[in-house]
């Protein structure tokens, strides 16, 4: 993967994904928030114990520390073992638009 955007560390940001409940018995969705490690206008990196597949398309909600919330369509573009228990670092590429930072 070629990095095309400048990434910046970000404090207090979290991301959650719309996914079906693991037991899938009542077709409910669950929301689990994960910390965002860094972000650019075209994507972000987060850490999770949950398994995501590379090229999986996801709907995500990005919660920024300034109170702004962004709902985005995205694609998981990479996965790396980060050496901490069962945690993995995942890269996400935004599909529908870029974020604009002021």
N, C-alpha and C. Protein backbone atom coordinates (compact mmCIF):
# COMPACT_ATOMS: atom_id res chain seq x y z
N UNK A 1 0.84 -1.17 0.00
CA UNK A 1 0.00 0.00 0.00
C UNK A 1 0.89 1.24 0.00
N UNK A 2 0.58 2.18 -0.84
CA UNK A 2 1.34 3.41 -0.93
C UNK A 2 0.62 4.50 -0.15
N UNK A 3 1.34 5.13 0.77
CA UNK A 3 0.77 6.23 1.54
C UNK A 3 0.77 7.47 0.68
N UNK A 4 -0.41 8.04 0.44
CA UNK A 4 -0.53 9.21 -0.41
C UNK A 4 -0.86 10.48 0.37
N UNK A 5 -1.34 10.33 1.59
CA UNK A 5 -1.78 11.46 2.40
C UNK A 5 -0.92 11.57 3.65
N UNK A 6 -0.77 12.77 4.15
CA UNK A 6 -0.09 12.97 5.42
C UNK A 6 -1.01 12.51 6.54
N UNK A 7 -0.49 11.65 7.38
CA UNK A 7 -1.27 11.15 8.50
C UNK A 7 -0.88 11.93 9.75
N UNK A 8 -1.85 12.12 10.63
CA UNK A 8 -1.55 12.78 11.88
C UNK A 8 -2.13 11.99 13.04
N UNK A 9 -1.37 11.96 14.12
CA UNK A 9 -1.86 11.31 15.33
C UNK A 9 -3.07 12.09 15.83
N UNK A 10 -3.99 11.40 16.46
CA UNK A 10 -5.21 12.07 16.92
C UNK A 10 -5.58 11.52 18.29
N UNK A 11 -5.84 12.40 19.22
CA UNK A 11 -6.20 12.00 20.58
C UNK A 11 -7.71 12.02 20.75
N UNK A 12 -8.23 11.03 21.44
CA UNK A 12 -9.64 11.02 21.82
C UNK A 12 -10.62 10.63 20.74
N UNK A 13 -10.16 10.32 19.54
CA UNK A 13 -11.08 9.92 18.47
C UNK A 13 -11.37 8.43 18.57
N UNK A 14 -12.59 8.07 18.21
CA UNK A 14 -13.01 6.67 18.21
C UNK A 14 -13.78 6.38 16.94
N UNK A 15 -13.81 5.10 16.59
CA UNK A 15 -14.54 4.67 15.41
C UNK A 15 -15.38 3.46 15.79
N UNK A 16 -16.58 3.38 15.23
CA UNK A 16 -17.43 2.20 15.43
C UNK A 16 -17.96 1.75 14.07
N UNK A 17 -18.37 0.50 14.00
CA UNK A 17 -18.81 -0.10 12.74
C UNK A 17 -20.18 -0.71 12.90
N UNK A 18 -21.01 -0.62 11.87
CA UNK A 18 -22.30 -1.30 11.87
C UNK A 18 -22.07 -2.73 11.38
N UNK A 19 -22.21 -3.67 12.30
CA UNK A 19 -22.05 -5.09 11.96
C UNK A 19 -23.12 -5.87 12.71
N UNK A 20 -23.49 -7.02 12.18
CA UNK A 20 -24.49 -7.84 12.85
C UNK A 20 -23.92 -8.42 14.14
N UNK A 21 -24.82 -8.62 15.09
CA UNK A 21 -24.45 -9.24 16.36
C UNK A 21 -23.81 -10.60 16.11
N UNK A 22 -22.75 -10.95 16.87
CA UNK A 22 -22.08 -12.24 16.64
C UNK A 22 -23.00 -13.45 16.75
N UNK A 23 -23.98 -13.40 17.65
CA UNK A 23 -24.87 -14.56 17.78
C UNK A 23 -25.93 -14.58 16.68
N UNK A 24 -26.15 -13.40 16.03
CA UNK A 24 -27.03 -13.27 14.87
C UNK A 24 -28.44 -13.82 15.11
N UNK A 25 -28.83 -13.99 16.37
CA UNK A 25 -30.14 -14.57 16.66
C UNK A 25 -31.28 -13.59 16.45
N UNK A 26 -31.04 -12.33 16.72
CA UNK A 26 -32.14 -11.36 16.59
C UNK A 26 -31.86 -10.31 15.51
N UNK A 27 -30.88 -10.55 14.68
CA UNK A 27 -30.51 -9.66 13.58
C UNK A 27 -30.21 -8.24 14.06
N UNK A 28 -29.80 -8.11 15.31
CA UNK A 28 -29.46 -6.81 15.87
C UNK A 28 -28.04 -6.43 15.46
N UNK A 29 -27.79 -5.15 15.44
CA UNK A 29 -26.43 -4.69 15.22
C UNK A 29 -25.86 -4.24 16.57
N UNK A 30 -24.57 -4.39 16.70
CA UNK A 30 -23.90 -3.97 17.93
C UNK A 30 -22.91 -2.86 17.58
N UNK A 31 -22.68 -1.97 18.54
CA UNK A 31 -21.72 -0.90 18.32
C UNK A 31 -20.61 -1.01 19.35
N UNK A 32 -19.41 -1.23 18.87
CA UNK A 32 -18.23 -1.25 19.72
C UNK A 32 -17.31 -0.15 19.21
N UNK A 33 -16.84 0.70 20.12
CA UNK A 33 -15.95 1.79 19.72
C UNK A 33 -14.50 1.37 19.90
N UNK A 34 -13.68 1.73 18.91
CA UNK A 34 -12.26 1.43 18.91
C UNK A 34 -11.46 2.73 18.83
N UNK A 35 -10.29 2.76 19.46
CA UNK A 35 -9.47 3.98 19.38
C UNK A 35 -8.86 4.17 17.99
N UNK A 36 -8.84 5.41 17.55
CA UNK A 36 -8.20 5.77 16.28
C UNK A 36 -6.75 6.16 16.58
N UNK A 37 -5.82 5.54 15.87
CA UNK A 37 -4.40 5.82 16.09
C UNK A 37 -3.91 7.02 15.29
N UNK A 38 -4.31 7.09 14.02
CA UNK A 38 -3.97 8.25 13.20
C UNK A 38 -5.01 8.39 12.10
N UNK A 39 -4.98 9.55 11.46
CA UNK A 39 -6.02 9.86 10.49
C UNK A 39 -5.45 10.76 9.40
N UNK A 40 -6.02 10.65 8.21
CA UNK A 40 -5.72 11.57 7.12
C UNK A 40 -7.06 11.92 6.47
N UNK A 41 -7.03 12.73 5.45
CA UNK A 41 -8.30 13.10 4.83
C UNK A 41 -8.93 11.92 4.10
N UNK A 42 -8.14 10.87 3.77
CA UNK A 42 -8.65 9.75 3.00
C UNK A 42 -8.82 8.45 3.76
N UNK A 43 -8.47 8.42 5.05
CA UNK A 43 -8.59 7.18 5.79
C UNK A 43 -8.07 7.31 7.21
N UNK A 44 -8.04 6.19 7.90
CA UNK A 44 -7.57 6.18 9.28
C UNK A 44 -7.00 4.81 9.64
N UNK A 45 -6.35 4.76 10.80
CA UNK A 45 -5.83 3.51 11.34
C UNK A 45 -6.39 3.35 12.74
N UNK A 46 -6.89 2.15 13.05
CA UNK A 46 -7.44 1.88 14.37
C UNK A 46 -6.96 0.52 14.85
N UNK A 47 -7.08 0.28 16.16
CA UNK A 47 -6.69 -0.99 16.76
C UNK A 47 -7.92 -1.70 17.30
N UNK A 48 -7.96 -3.03 17.14
CA UNK A 48 -9.12 -3.80 17.61
C UNK A 48 -8.74 -5.24 17.85
N UNK A 49 -9.49 -5.91 18.71
CA UNK A 49 -9.35 -7.36 18.88
C UNK A 49 -10.31 -8.08 17.95
N UNK A 50 -11.35 -7.41 17.50
CA UNK A 50 -12.32 -7.99 16.56
C UNK A 50 -11.63 -8.22 15.22
N UNK A 51 -12.06 -9.25 14.51
CA UNK A 51 -11.46 -9.58 13.21
C UNK A 51 -12.22 -8.88 12.09
N UNK A 52 -11.48 -8.19 11.25
CA UNK A 52 -11.99 -7.58 10.04
C UNK A 52 -11.21 -8.17 8.87
N UNK A 53 -11.85 -8.35 7.76
CA UNK A 53 -11.21 -8.91 6.58
C UNK A 53 -10.71 -7.79 5.67
N UNK A 54 -9.52 -7.97 5.12
CA UNK A 54 -9.01 -7.01 4.14
C UNK A 54 -9.96 -7.00 2.94
N UNK A 55 -10.26 -5.83 2.44
CA UNK A 55 -11.21 -5.56 1.35
C UNK A 55 -12.67 -5.61 1.81
N UNK A 56 -12.92 -5.85 3.10
CA UNK A 56 -14.29 -5.81 3.62
C UNK A 56 -14.80 -4.38 3.54
N UNK A 57 -16.00 -4.21 3.05
CA UNK A 57 -16.63 -2.89 2.99
C UNK A 57 -17.45 -2.72 4.27
N UNK A 58 -17.32 -1.54 4.89
CA UNK A 58 -17.95 -1.30 6.18
C UNK A 58 -18.61 0.08 6.19
N UNK A 59 -19.60 0.21 7.05
CA UNK A 59 -20.18 1.51 7.38
C UNK A 59 -19.62 1.87 8.74
N UNK A 60 -19.02 3.04 8.85
CA UNK A 60 -18.42 3.41 10.12
C UNK A 60 -18.92 4.77 10.58
N UNK A 61 -18.82 4.97 11.89
CA UNK A 61 -19.08 6.26 12.50
C UNK A 61 -17.80 6.70 13.18
N UNK A 62 -17.34 7.87 12.83
CA UNK A 62 -16.11 8.44 13.39
C UNK A 62 -16.50 9.52 14.38
N UNK A 63 -16.06 9.35 15.62
CA UNK A 63 -16.33 10.30 16.69
C UNK A 63 -15.03 11.06 16.99
N UNK A 64 -15.02 12.35 16.71
CA UNK A 64 -13.84 13.17 16.98
C UNK A 64 -13.95 13.82 18.35
N UNK A 65 -12.82 14.14 18.95
CA UNK A 65 -12.81 14.69 20.30
C UNK A 65 -13.46 16.07 20.38
N UNK A 66 -13.60 16.77 19.25
CA UNK A 66 -14.24 18.08 19.26
C UNK A 66 -15.77 17.97 19.18
N UNK A 67 -16.29 16.74 19.21
CA UNK A 67 -17.73 16.53 19.19
C UNK A 67 -18.31 16.25 17.81
N UNK A 68 -17.54 16.43 16.76
CA UNK A 68 -18.02 16.15 15.41
C UNK A 68 -18.14 14.65 15.19
N UNK A 69 -19.19 14.26 14.48
CA UNK A 69 -19.44 12.86 14.16
C UNK A 69 -19.58 12.75 12.64
N UNK A 70 -18.90 11.77 12.05
CA UNK A 70 -18.95 11.55 10.61
C UNK A 70 -19.40 10.12 10.35
N UNK A 71 -20.39 9.94 9.49
CA UNK A 71 -20.83 8.61 9.04
C UNK A 71 -20.27 8.40 7.65
N UNK A 72 -19.52 7.30 7.47
CA UNK A 72 -18.78 7.09 6.23
C UNK A 72 -18.88 5.64 5.76
N UNK A 73 -18.77 5.46 4.45
CA UNK A 73 -18.58 4.14 3.87
C UNK A 73 -17.08 3.99 3.65
N UNK A 74 -16.58 2.79 3.95
CA UNK A 74 -15.13 2.61 3.88
C UNK A 74 -14.79 1.17 3.52
N UNK A 75 -13.49 0.95 3.32
CA UNK A 75 -12.97 -0.38 3.01
C UNK A 75 -11.77 -0.64 3.91
N UNK A 76 -11.71 -1.84 4.48
CA UNK A 76 -10.54 -2.25 5.25
C UNK A 76 -9.43 -2.51 4.23
N UNK A 77 -8.33 -1.78 4.31
CA UNK A 77 -7.29 -1.92 3.29
C UNK A 77 -6.04 -2.64 3.76
N UNK A 78 -5.83 -2.77 5.08
CA UNK A 78 -4.73 -3.60 5.56
C UNK A 78 -4.94 -4.01 7.00
N UNK A 79 -4.21 -5.04 7.40
CA UNK A 79 -4.25 -5.55 8.77
C UNK A 79 -2.82 -5.89 9.17
N UNK A 80 -2.44 -5.47 10.39
CA UNK A 80 -1.11 -5.78 10.91
C UNK A 80 -1.25 -6.22 12.36
N UNK A 81 -0.51 -7.25 12.75
CA UNK A 81 -0.44 -7.65 14.15
C UNK A 81 0.39 -6.59 14.86
N UNK A 82 -0.16 -5.98 15.91
CA UNK A 82 0.61 -4.92 16.58
C UNK A 82 1.39 -5.41 17.79
N UNK A 83 1.41 -6.73 18.01
CA UNK A 83 2.22 -7.30 19.07
C UNK A 83 1.66 -7.16 20.47
N UNK A 84 0.43 -6.68 20.58
CA UNK A 84 -0.20 -6.51 21.89
C UNK A 84 -1.37 -7.48 22.01
N UNK A 85 -1.18 -8.57 22.74
CA UNK A 85 -2.23 -9.57 22.93
C UNK A 85 -2.83 -9.97 21.58
N UNK A 86 -4.13 -9.87 21.46
CA UNK A 86 -4.81 -10.25 20.22
C UNK A 86 -5.16 -9.03 19.38
N UNK A 87 -4.54 -7.88 19.66
CA UNK A 87 -4.87 -6.66 18.94
C UNK A 87 -4.23 -6.65 17.55
N UNK A 88 -4.96 -6.07 16.63
CA UNK A 88 -4.46 -5.84 15.28
C UNK A 88 -4.68 -4.38 14.93
N UNK A 89 -3.81 -3.84 14.11
CA UNK A 89 -3.99 -2.51 13.56
C UNK A 89 -4.60 -2.67 12.17
N UNK A 90 -5.63 -1.89 11.91
CA UNK A 90 -6.32 -1.95 10.62
C UNK A 90 -6.27 -0.58 9.95
N UNK A 91 -6.08 -0.58 8.66
CA UNK A 91 -6.17 0.63 7.86
C UNK A 91 -7.50 0.68 7.16
N UNK A 92 -8.10 1.85 7.13
CA UNK A 92 -9.40 2.05 6.51
C UNK A 92 -9.27 3.16 5.47
N UNK A 93 -9.82 2.91 4.31
CA UNK A 93 -9.86 3.91 3.24
C UNK A 93 -11.31 4.37 3.07
N UNK A 94 -11.54 5.69 3.14
CA UNK A 94 -12.89 6.22 2.97
C UNK A 94 -13.30 6.11 1.51
N UNK A 95 -14.53 5.70 1.25
CA UNK A 95 -14.99 5.48 -0.12
C UNK A 95 -15.81 6.63 -0.69
N UNK A 96 -16.60 7.30 0.15
CA UNK A 96 -17.53 8.27 -0.42
C UNK A 96 -17.07 9.72 -0.40
N UNK A 97 -16.16 10.09 0.47
CA UNK A 97 -15.61 11.44 0.44
C UNK A 97 -14.40 11.56 1.36
N UNK A 98 -13.71 12.67 1.21
CA UNK A 98 -12.56 12.96 2.07
C UNK A 98 -13.02 13.77 3.27
N UNK A 99 -12.30 13.64 4.37
CA UNK A 99 -12.54 14.51 5.52
C UNK A 99 -11.79 15.80 5.30
N UNK A 100 -12.36 16.88 5.75
CA UNK A 100 -11.72 18.19 5.67
C UNK A 100 -11.43 18.64 7.09
N UNK A 101 -10.18 18.90 7.38
CA UNK A 101 -9.77 19.36 8.71
C UNK A 101 -9.56 20.86 8.67
N UNK A 102 -10.10 21.53 9.67
CA UNK A 102 -9.96 22.99 9.73
C UNK A 102 -8.98 23.39 10.78
